[in-house]
Amino acid sequence: MSAAESLPLRPRRPAPGPRSWPLIGNVGVLRGLLPFLEQQWHEHGDVFRVRLPGTPAVVVVHPDLMQHVLLTRRENFVKGSVLDTLRLVLGDGLVTLEGEAWKERRTLAQPAFHRQSLEKLTAIMVSSGARYFDALAARLGPEGGELDMHPEFVRLTLDVVVRALFGEGTIDLEEISYAALGHALELVSEGANGVRLPDWIPTPYNVKFKRTLGELDRNVYTIIERARAQKGGSASLLSMLLDARDESGRALSDKAVRDEVITLFLAGHETTALTMTWLFCLLDGRPDVIARMREEVTSVLAGRDPSFDDVPKLPYLRQVVDETLRLRPAAPMVGRNVVDDDQLGGYDVSRGDVILPFIWGLHRHPDFWPEAERFDPGRFEGGASKLKHKWSYLPFSGGPRVCIGNAFSLIETVVLLAQLLNRFDVEVLSCAGVRPVAVATVRPSGPVRVRFKPRHA
């Protein structure tokens, strides 16, 4: 008998968690996923087990655990079965690929988000924002009016992402089914919550899924075919993907381009719209923040639209955006599968386990965020690099798999916010009763109503 074999086996130590029931899991989740997970975190600590509908999982909250899962031991925590529903829509794109396939795709796509490309894409954002807000001022009239912000920002960011993806002048934007794009996101959200029956069973969800995906694919493949036939690229993300070549000189296939286009659309559309919506919700009762933002915009822009070079000159707007992303991260958690047995915070996890890094809780951890529920843009004065622990703030995830479009999203939010404040006086009417509801993203439970009054005739 070897020395290793003679050692006593260490008893396994599973993470604590609430009582669960067969099939339905933890009934407490029915009251809302976010409050349920927060309650379990406060009761059991930074590592705990839960059983969501169809998914037993280990939830982690502490920054050190985030670093372990997303960076230090990232090869042992992969995007496996937890993303199967998402793959049905996205296919094999940057969000869902693994290993060498992901590295190759990331290398090909990265130039589309370099400084030179972002400068061109910023011009598209500014053009879309100016057109939208000028039309909004005309729609409201000189006296202004009240608006529910989420549908407004959904329409605006949809216009931005479609033009950034496909280019202006490349296609007739009226040919794109905005309904199919929006329904695809809804399907991802619905499918991620609960048990999905096999495709061949004609449930209402499966029927809707096939119809929506078919329409979406027809749209995207038609656009790819036309873009390939055009001579000369444009500033669009699609043209950059079509021009990309690997080390052997091979271009991406139509299927690979399709998967990246859908990924970029879903990742860059509703997430930015939600950030803008929650930003105004969090401004309820904070006229001091609105006044300081307007002062900065007036000082830097003097009434003109922003450019790419203006974005770093608007640091307070960026602080407001960063604090919004802390309190209302678009994705409240990310998912990973365990490859081989491991430990998290002294607790055992087994091969195949689902791990949920809980970003929502991370951004409220009392060891790193004093008065965590208070909206305070001053936390980010000097930038996120000044934080106590760099893994305590992950609005775009972390490690090598950090969202490739994070700079695009941040620039877009600052640019659109500056344009809005240039054109309108705003007053948040009430957001006290609006709760965050977690699906694939964090959505408001009701309208976020804001009064707009054009500043100039």
Protein backbone atom coordinates (compact mmCIF):
# COMPACT_ATOMS: atom_id res chain seq x y z
CA MET A 1 0.00 0.00 0.00
CA SER A 2 1.40 3.39 -1.00
CA ALA A 3 1.75 6.31 1.41
CA ALA A 4 -0.99 8.15 -0.49
CA GLU A 5 -3.35 5.18 -0.18
CA SER A 6 -2.76 4.93 3.58
CA LEU A 7 -3.88 8.51 4.20
CA PRO A 8 -7.43 8.84 5.53
CA LEU A 9 -9.88 10.28 3.04
CA ARG A 10 -11.06 13.78 3.88
CA PRO A 11 -14.83 13.89 4.33
CA ARG A 12 -16.47 15.90 1.58
CA ARG A 13 -17.78 19.26 2.66
CA PRO A 14 -20.70 20.44 0.54
CA ALA A 15 -21.75 24.07 0.62
CA PRO A 16 -24.73 24.92 2.87
CA GLY A 17 -28.09 25.90 1.46
CA PRO A 18 -31.85 25.97 1.96
CA ARG A 19 -34.14 22.96 1.89
CA SER A 20 -35.34 22.05 -1.59
CA TRP A 21 -38.18 19.97 -2.99
CA PRO A 22 -38.12 17.40 -5.80
CA LEU A 23 -38.71 18.86 -9.28
CA ILE A 24 -39.61 22.38 -8.14
CA GLY A 25 -36.40 23.03 -6.18
CA ASN A 26 -36.38 25.93 -3.71
CA VAL A 27 -39.88 27.33 -3.43
CA GLY A 28 -38.53 30.64 -2.14
CA VAL A 29 -37.40 31.53 -5.65
CA LEU A 30 -41.06 31.98 -6.59
CA ARG A 31 -41.00 35.28 -4.67
CA GLY A 32 -38.28 36.53 -7.03
CA LEU A 33 -34.84 35.24 -7.97
CA LEU A 34 -32.80 38.23 -6.78
CA PRO A 35 -34.35 38.59 -3.29
CA PHE A 36 -34.18 34.81 -2.86
CA LEU A 37 -30.47 34.64 -3.69
CA GLU A 38 -29.71 37.69 -1.55
CA GLN A 39 -31.51 36.08 1.40
CA GLN A 40 -29.56 32.83 1.01
CA TRP A 41 -26.31 34.77 0.76
CA HIS A 42 -27.02 36.62 4.01
CA GLU A 43 -27.98 33.35 5.75
CA HIS A 44 -25.27 31.02 4.43
CA GLY A 45 -22.33 33.19 3.40
CA ASP A 46 -20.31 33.68 0.22
CA VAL A 47 -20.73 30.08 -1.01
CA PHE A 48 -24.11 28.32 -0.90
CA ARG A 49 -26.15 25.71 -2.74
CA VAL A 50 -29.57 26.30 -4.25
CA ARG A 51 -31.88 24.30 -6.44
CA LEU A 52 -33.48 26.48 -9.08
CA PRO A 53 -36.17 24.98 -11.37
CA GLY A 54 -34.31 22.24 -13.21
CA THR A 55 -30.86 23.43 -12.07
CA PRO A 56 -29.03 22.61 -8.83
CA ALA A 57 -26.22 25.15 -8.48
CA VAL A 58 -23.50 26.52 -6.22
CA VAL A 59 -23.59 30.31 -5.91
CA VAL A 60 -20.42 32.30 -5.16
CA VAL A 61 -20.25 35.96 -4.15
CA HIS A 62 -16.82 36.97 -2.80
CA PRO A 63 -14.30 38.68 -5.17
CA ASP A 64 -11.64 36.06 -4.43
CA LEU A 65 -14.05 33.34 -5.55
CA MET A 66 -14.88 35.29 -8.71
CA GLN A 67 -11.18 35.48 -9.49
CA HIS A 68 -10.77 31.73 -8.85
CA VAL A 69 -13.64 30.78 -11.19
CA LEU A 70 -13.16 33.38 -13.94
CA LEU A 71 -9.36 33.69 -14.02
CA THR A 72 -7.08 31.56 -11.84
CA ARG A 73 -8.83 28.23 -12.49
CA ARG A 74 -10.83 29.27 -15.54
CA GLU A 75 -9.96 26.06 -17.45
CA ASN A 76 -11.85 24.14 -14.76
CA PHE A 77 -14.97 26.32 -14.95
CA VAL A 78 -16.31 26.34 -18.50
CA LYS A 79 -19.39 27.55 -20.34
CA GLY A 80 -20.83 24.08 -20.70
CA SER A 81 -24.43 22.95 -20.43
CA VAL A 82 -25.45 26.14 -18.59
CA LEU A 83 -25.47 27.93 -21.96
CA ASP A 84 -27.31 25.27 -23.98
CA THR A 85 -30.48 27.36 -24.23
CA LEU A 86 -28.48 30.41 -25.28
CA ARG A 87 -26.67 28.37 -27.95
CA LEU A 88 -29.99 27.60 -29.63
CA VAL A 89 -30.19 31.30 -30.59
CA LEU A 90 -26.57 32.47 -30.62
CA GLY A 91 -25.02 29.37 -32.15
CA ASP A 92 -21.25 29.18 -31.74
CA GLY A 93 -20.26 32.78 -31.08
CA LEU A 94 -17.88 34.55 -28.73
CA VAL A 95 -20.22 34.13 -25.76
CA THR A 96 -20.71 30.37 -26.18
CA LEU A 97 -17.47 29.03 -27.71
CA GLU A 98 -14.81 27.38 -25.57
CA GLY A 99 -11.11 26.56 -25.70
CA GLU A 100 -9.05 27.08 -28.85
CA ALA A 101 -12.14 27.80 -30.95
CA TRP A 102 -12.96 30.73 -28.67
CA LYS A 103 -9.37 32.03 -28.72
CA GLU A 104 -9.26 31.99 -32.53
CA ARG A 105 -12.64 33.75 -32.81
CA ARG A 106 -11.68 36.35 -30.20
CA THR A 107 -8.46 37.11 -32.09
CA LEU A 108 -10.43 37.58 -35.31
CA ALA A 109 -13.11 39.80 -33.73
CA GLN A 110 -10.88 41.93 -31.49
CA PRO A 111 -9.84 44.49 -34.18
CA ALA A 112 -13.51 45.51 -34.52
CA PHE A 113 -13.26 46.97 -31.01
CA HIS A 114 -9.87 48.66 -31.23
CA ARG A 115 -9.62 52.43 -30.85
CA GLN A 116 -9.75 53.21 -34.58
CA SER A 117 -12.87 51.09 -35.04
CA LEU A 118 -14.55 52.50 -31.92
CA GLU A 119 -13.96 56.02 -33.22
CA LYS A 120 -15.89 55.19 -36.39
CA LEU A 121 -18.62 53.40 -34.46
CA THR A 122 -18.99 56.39 -32.12
CA ALA A 123 -19.90 58.52 -35.14
CA ILE A 124 -22.76 56.08 -35.84
CA MET A 125 -23.92 56.34 -32.21
CA VAL A 126 -23.91 60.15 -32.38
CA SER A 127 -25.79 60.15 -35.69
CA SER A 128 -28.48 57.79 -34.34
CA GLY A 129 -28.78 59.73 -31.07
CA ALA A 130 -29.10 63.11 -32.77
CA ARG A 131 -31.76 61.84 -35.16
CA TYR A 132 -33.70 60.16 -32.36
CA PHE A 133 -33.62 62.96 -29.80
CA ASP A 134 -34.42 65.65 -32.39
CA ALA A 135 -37.43 63.61 -33.48
CA LEU A 136 -38.41 63.17 -29.84
CA ALA A 137 -38.29 66.93 -29.24
CA ALA A 138 -40.55 67.45 -32.26
CA ARG A 139 -42.91 64.73 -31.04
CA LEU A 140 -43.23 66.21 -27.55
CA GLY A 141 -43.50 69.84 -28.63
CA PRO A 142 -42.15 72.91 -26.81
CA GLU A 143 -43.95 72.08 -23.54
CA GLY A 144 -42.55 68.56 -23.41
CA GLY A 145 -44.24 65.56 -21.86
CA GLU A 146 -43.94 62.34 -19.85
CA LEU A 147 -42.31 59.18 -21.16
CA ASP A 148 -41.76 55.61 -20.01
CA MET A 149 -38.01 55.35 -20.47
CA HIS A 150 -37.49 51.66 -21.18
CA PRO A 151 -39.39 51.39 -24.49
CA GLU A 152 -37.84 54.69 -25.59
CA PHE A 153 -34.30 53.49 -24.89
CA VAL A 154 -35.03 50.09 -26.45
CA ARG A 155 -35.97 51.80 -29.72
CA LEU A 156 -32.95 54.10 -29.58
CA THR A 157 -30.35 51.43 -28.79
CA LEU A 158 -31.93 49.12 -31.36
CA ASP A 159 -31.34 51.77 -34.00
CA VAL A 160 -27.74 52.23 -32.81
CA VAL A 161 -26.87 48.53 -32.77
CA VAL A 162 -28.50 47.81 -36.14
CA ARG A 163 -26.64 50.68 -37.82
CA ALA A 164 -23.38 49.78 -36.06
CA LEU A 165 -23.73 46.13 -37.03
CA PHE A 166 -24.95 46.48 -40.59
CA GLY A 167 -23.85 49.98 -41.56
CA GLU A 168 -25.68 52.95 -42.96
CA GLY A 169 -26.30 52.67 -46.68
CA THR A 170 -25.41 48.97 -46.78
CA ILE A 171 -29.02 47.85 -46.42
CA ASP A 172 -32.48 49.29 -46.11
CA LEU A 173 -33.07 49.22 -42.37
CA GLU A 174 -36.78 48.75 -42.95
CA GLU A 175 -35.98 45.26 -44.26
CA ILE A 176 -34.78 44.13 -40.83
CA SER A 177 -37.42 42.52 -38.66
CA TYR A 178 -37.01 44.39 -35.39
CA ALA A 179 -39.79 42.22 -34.01
CA ALA A 180 -37.80 39.05 -34.70
CA LEU A 181 -34.70 40.52 -33.07
CA GLY A 182 -36.67 41.52 -29.99
CA HIS A 183 -38.50 38.19 -29.81
CA ALA A 184 -35.18 36.34 -29.96
CA LEU A 185 -34.06 38.07 -26.78
CA GLU A 186 -37.36 37.26 -25.10
CA LEU A 187 -36.97 33.60 -26.06
CA VAL A 188 -33.51 33.47 -24.52
CA SER A 189 -34.90 34.94 -21.31
CA GLU A 190 -37.87 32.59 -21.20
CA GLY A 191 -35.78 29.51 -21.99
CA ALA A 192 -33.23 30.31 -19.32
CA ASN A 193 -35.86 30.10 -16.58
CA GLY A 194 -37.37 26.70 -16.02
CA VAL A 195 -37.28 23.31 -17.75
CA ARG A 196 -37.55 23.37 -21.54
CA LEU A 197 -39.18 20.40 -23.26
CA PRO A 198 -37.54 18.79 -26.34
CA ASP A 199 -37.81 20.64 -29.68
CA TRP A 200 -40.07 18.02 -31.25
CA ILE A 201 -42.83 18.61 -28.69
CA PRO A 202 -45.05 21.40 -30.13
CA THR A 203 -45.30 23.51 -26.99
CA PRO A 204 -46.20 27.19 -27.50
CA TYR A 205 -42.60 28.07 -26.60
CA ASN A 206 -41.09 25.62 -29.11
CA VAL A 207 -43.44 26.72 -31.90
CA LYS A 208 -42.65 30.38 -31.27
CA PHE A 209 -38.95 29.58 -31.02
CA LYS A 210 -38.76 27.87 -34.43
CA ARG A 211 -40.79 30.60 -36.13
CA THR A 212 -38.74 33.43 -34.64
CA LEU A 213 -35.38 31.79 -35.27
CA GLY A 214 -36.33 31.05 -38.89
CA GLU A 215 -37.27 34.69 -39.51
CA LEU A 216 -34.16 35.93 -37.75
CA ASP A 217 -31.86 33.70 -39.80
CA ARG A 218 -33.51 34.71 -43.10
CA ASN A 219 -32.90 38.36 -42.24
CA VAL A 220 -29.29 37.94 -41.19
CA TYR A 221 -28.19 35.62 -44.01
CA THR A 222 -29.72 37.95 -46.60
CA ILE A 223 -27.78 40.87 -45.12
CA ILE A 224 -24.52 38.85 -45.07
CA GLU A 225 -24.99 37.86 -48.72
CA ARG A 226 -25.49 41.48 -49.78
CA ALA A 227 -22.58 42.72 -47.69
CA ARG A 228 -20.24 40.12 -49.25
CA ALA A 229 -21.33 41.22 -52.73
CA GLN A 230 -20.51 44.86 -52.05
CA LYS A 231 -17.12 46.22 -53.02
CA GLY A 232 -15.30 48.14 -50.33
CA GLY A 233 -15.93 47.81 -46.62
CA SER A 234 -17.73 50.22 -44.35
CA ALA A 235 -17.34 51.17 -40.70
CA SER A 236 -19.87 48.53 -39.67
CA LEU A 237 -19.09 45.60 -37.40
CA LEU A 238 -20.38 43.26 -40.09
CA SER A 239 -17.88 44.52 -42.66
CA MET A 240 -15.07 44.12 -40.13
CA LEU A 241 -16.12 40.52 -39.47
CA LEU A 242 -16.28 39.81 -43.21
CA ASP A 243 -12.79 41.28 -43.70
CA ALA A 244 -11.26 39.32 -40.80
CA ARG A 245 -8.75 36.58 -41.65
CA ASP A 246 -7.06 33.96 -39.50
CA GLU A 247 -3.35 33.10 -39.65
CA SER A 248 -3.96 30.90 -42.68
CA GLY A 249 -5.82 33.65 -44.51
CA ARG A 250 -9.23 32.02 -44.09
CA ALA A 251 -12.32 34.17 -43.69
CA LEU A 252 -15.20 33.40 -41.36
CA SER A 253 -17.95 31.24 -42.81
CA ASP A 254 -21.45 32.64 -43.25
CA LYS A 255 -22.56 30.54 -40.25
CA ALA A 256 -19.76 31.95 -38.07
CA VAL A 257 -20.56 35.53 -39.16
CA ARG A 258 -24.25 34.90 -38.47
CA ASP A 259 -23.48 33.65 -34.95
CA GLU A 260 -21.33 36.70 -34.16
CA VAL A 261 -23.90 39.14 -35.58
CA ILE A 262 -26.66 37.66 -33.43
CA THR A 263 -24.34 37.60 -30.40
CA LEU A 264 -23.38 41.26 -30.86
CA PHE A 265 -27.00 42.25 -31.34
CA LEU A 266 -28.30 40.51 -28.23
CA ALA A 267 -25.31 41.56 -26.11
CA GLY A 268 -25.36 45.16 -27.28
CA HIS A 269 -29.02 46.02 -27.54
CA GLU A 270 -31.17 45.47 -24.48
CA THR A 271 -28.26 45.64 -22.06
CA THR A 272 -27.50 49.26 -22.94
CA ALA A 273 -31.19 50.14 -22.99
CA LEU A 274 -31.56 48.71 -19.49
CA THR A 275 -28.53 50.61 -18.21
CA MET A 276 -30.02 53.88 -19.50
CA THR A 277 -33.42 53.03 -18.00
CA TRP A 278 -32.05 52.09 -14.58
CA LEU A 279 -29.83 55.16 -14.59
CA PHE A 280 -32.90 57.39 -14.65
CA CYS A 281 -34.68 55.23 -12.09
CA LEU A 282 -31.73 55.64 -9.71
CA LEU A 283 -31.82 59.41 -10.30
CA ASP A 284 -35.22 59.57 -8.62
CA GLY A 285 -34.82 62.10 -5.78
CA ARG A 286 -31.29 63.05 -6.89
CA PRO A 287 -31.57 66.45 -8.61
CA ASP A 288 -28.02 67.14 -7.39
CA VAL A 289 -26.64 64.39 -9.64
CA ILE A 290 -28.70 65.60 -12.61
CA ALA A 291 -27.47 69.16 -12.07
CA ARG A 292 -23.83 68.07 -11.90
CA MET A 293 -24.17 65.98 -15.05
CA ARG A 294 -25.73 68.89 -16.93
CA GLU A 295 -23.01 71.23 -15.71
CA GLU A 296 -20.33 68.90 -17.08
CA VAL A 297 -22.10 68.43 -20.41
CA THR A 298 -22.61 72.18 -20.82
CA SER A 299 -19.03 72.95 -19.92
CA VAL A 300 -17.47 70.38 -22.25
CA LEU A 301 -19.87 70.40 -25.22
CA ALA A 302 -21.39 73.91 -25.17
CA GLY A 303 -24.49 72.63 -26.94
CA ARG A 304 -22.87 70.53 -29.67
CA ASP A 305 -23.02 66.75 -30.00
CA PRO A 306 -20.16 64.77 -28.47
CA SER A 307 -17.38 63.10 -30.41
CA PHE A 308 -15.19 60.11 -29.58
CA ASP A 309 -12.55 62.43 -28.15
CA ASP A 310 -15.11 64.07 -25.83
CA VAL A 311 -15.94 60.86 -23.95
CA PRO A 312 -12.91 61.01 -21.58
CA LYS A 313 -13.74 64.66 -20.92
CA LEU A 314 -17.05 63.63 -19.33
CA PRO A 315 -15.77 61.77 -16.23
CA TYR A 316 -18.78 62.46 -14.01
CA LEU A 317 -21.16 61.02 -16.59
CA ARG A 318 -18.99 57.92 -16.63
CA GLN A 319 -19.11 57.75 -12.81
CA VAL A 320 -22.91 57.83 -12.95
CA VAL A 321 -22.89 55.04 -15.54
CA ASP A 322 -20.43 52.95 -13.48
CA GLU A 323 -22.53 53.32 -10.33
CA THR A 324 -25.65 52.36 -12.29
CA LEU A 325 -23.89 49.22 -13.53
CA ARG A 326 -22.92 48.41 -9.95
CA LEU A 327 -26.45 48.57 -8.62
CA ARG A 328 -28.16 47.30 -11.75
CA PRO A 329 -25.75 45.06 -13.70
CA ALA A 330 -27.46 44.00 -16.92
CA ALA A 331 -26.62 40.34 -16.20
CA PRO A 332 -27.12 39.52 -12.49
CA MET A 333 -24.99 36.38 -12.70
CA VAL A 334 -22.95 34.25 -15.08
CA GLY A 335 -22.89 30.48 -15.36
CA ARG A 336 -20.10 27.90 -15.46
CA ASN A 337 -19.79 24.09 -15.33
CA VAL A 338 -17.12 22.35 -13.22
CA VAL A 339 -14.74 20.17 -15.29
CA ASP A 340 -13.01 18.40 -12.37
CA ASP A 341 -13.63 18.35 -8.61
CA ASP A 342 -12.53 21.57 -6.96
CA GLN A 343 -12.98 23.70 -3.86
CA LEU A 344 -14.61 27.10 -3.47
CA GLY A 345 -14.21 28.91 -0.17
CA GLY A 346 -13.42 25.63 1.62
CA TYR A 347 -16.45 23.80 0.18
CA ASP A 348 -16.31 20.96 -2.33
CA VAL A 349 -17.74 21.21 -5.82
CA SER A 350 -17.96 18.22 -8.14
CA ARG A 351 -17.47 17.60 -11.82
CA GLY A 352 -20.56 18.73 -13.72
CA ASP A 353 -21.80 21.09 -11.00
CA VAL A 354 -23.25 24.40 -12.12
CA ILE A 355 -21.48 27.42 -10.59
CA LEU A 356 -23.19 30.81 -10.52
CA PRO A 357 -20.92 33.80 -9.84
CA PHE A 358 -23.55 36.16 -8.40
CA ILE A 359 -22.60 39.58 -9.78
CA TRP A 360 -25.63 41.25 -8.19
CA GLY A 361 -24.50 40.20 -4.72
CA LEU A 362 -20.83 40.89 -5.45
CA HIS A 363 -21.67 44.54 -6.15
CA ARG A 364 -23.29 44.75 -2.72
CA HIS A 365 -20.69 42.94 -0.67
CA PRO A 366 -20.34 44.93 2.59
CA ASP A 367 -16.60 44.25 2.82
CA PHE A 368 -16.05 46.24 -0.37
CA TRP A 369 -19.10 48.49 -0.77
CA PRO A 370 -20.08 50.49 2.34
CA GLU A 371 -23.74 51.54 2.32
CA ALA A 372 -24.06 49.31 -0.70
CA GLU A 373 -27.66 50.17 -1.59
CA ARG A 374 -26.96 53.91 -1.70
CA PHE A 375 -26.59 55.41 -5.18
CA ASP A 376 -23.29 57.28 -5.01
CA PRO A 377 -21.39 58.04 -8.25
CA GLY A 378 -18.56 59.42 -6.12
CA ARG A 379 -17.46 55.83 -5.45
CA PHE A 380 -15.94 55.81 -8.92
CA GLU A 381 -14.10 59.11 -8.77
CA GLY A 382 -10.74 58.37 -10.33
CA GLY A 383 -12.08 55.27 -12.08
CA ALA A 384 -12.79 51.66 -11.17
CA SER A 385 -9.05 50.97 -10.86
CA LYS A 386 -9.13 52.78 -7.49
CA LEU A 387 -11.44 50.18 -5.94
CA LYS A 388 -10.42 48.18 -2.87
CA HIS A 389 -10.49 44.86 -4.79
CA LYS A 390 -10.47 44.85 -8.59
CA TRP A 391 -12.64 41.73 -8.65
CA SER A 392 -15.37 43.40 -6.59
CA TYR A 393 -16.81 45.09 -9.70
CA LEU A 394 -17.64 42.94 -12.74
CA PRO A 395 -20.49 44.49 -14.75
CA PHE A 396 -19.07 42.88 -17.92
CA SER A 397 -17.81 39.68 -16.22
CA GLY A 398 -14.04 39.29 -15.80
CA GLY A 399 -10.89 37.52 -16.89
CA PRO A 400 -10.17 36.61 -20.53
CA ARG A 401 -13.91 36.12 -21.13
CA VAL A 402 -14.76 39.72 -20.24
CA CYS A 403 -17.34 41.11 -22.67
CA ILE A 404 -15.57 42.15 -25.89
CA GLY A 405 -18.07 44.97 -26.38
CA ASN A 406 -17.66 46.61 -22.96
CA ALA A 407 -15.94 49.73 -24.35
CA PHE A 408 -18.59 50.03 -27.08
CA SER A 409 -21.37 49.87 -24.48
CA LEU A 410 -19.78 52.39 -22.12
CA ILE A 411 -19.07 54.87 -24.92
CA GLU A 412 -22.61 54.48 -26.27
CA THR A 413 -24.18 55.12 -22.87
CA VAL A 414 -22.09 58.23 -22.17
CA VAL A 415 -22.66 59.63 -25.68
CA LEU A 416 -26.44 59.12 -25.64
CA LEU A 417 -26.72 60.50 -22.11
CA ALA A 418 -24.78 63.63 -23.09
CA GLN A 419 -26.98 64.15 -26.15
CA LEU A 420 -30.14 63.75 -24.08
CA LEU A 421 -28.99 66.27 -21.45
CA ASN A 422 -27.97 68.68 -24.20
CA ARG A 423 -31.50 68.72 -25.58
CA PHE A 424 -33.83 68.25 -22.59
CA ASP A 425 -34.50 69.24 -19.02
CA VAL A 426 -35.47 66.04 -17.22
CA GLU A 427 -37.34 65.22 -14.04
CA VAL A 428 -37.80 61.66 -12.76
CA LEU A 429 -41.42 61.48 -11.62
CA SER A 430 -41.26 58.34 -9.48
CA CYS A 431 -39.40 55.06 -9.38
CA ALA A 432 -40.09 54.00 -5.80
CA GLY A 433 -42.34 51.09 -6.76
CA VAL A 434 -40.23 49.76 -9.63
CA ARG A 435 -38.50 46.50 -8.68
CA PRO A 436 -35.66 44.73 -10.50
CA VAL A 437 -36.87 41.50 -12.09
CA ALA A 438 -34.22 38.98 -13.13
CA VAL A 439 -34.65 36.97 -16.32
CA ALA A 440 -31.60 36.70 -18.58
CA THR A 441 -31.18 40.39 -17.77
CA VAL A 442 -32.44 42.66 -14.96
CA ARG A 443 -35.58 44.43 -16.12
CA PRO A 444 -37.84 46.97 -14.37
CA SER A 445 -41.13 45.66 -12.99
CA GLY A 446 -43.01 48.72 -14.22
CA PRO A 447 -42.66 51.98 -16.13
CA VAL A 448 -39.87 54.43 -15.30
CA ARG A 449 -41.61 57.73 -15.98
CA VAL A 450 -39.62 60.86 -16.72
CA ARG A 451 -40.79 64.34 -17.69
CA PHE A 452 -38.92 65.79 -20.67
CA LYS A 453 -38.92 69.40 -21.74
CA PRO A 454 -36.91 70.52 -24.79
CA ARG A 455 -34.28 73.06 -23.83
CA HIS A 456 -34.28 74.83 -27.19
CA ALA A 457 -37.08 75.70 -29.55
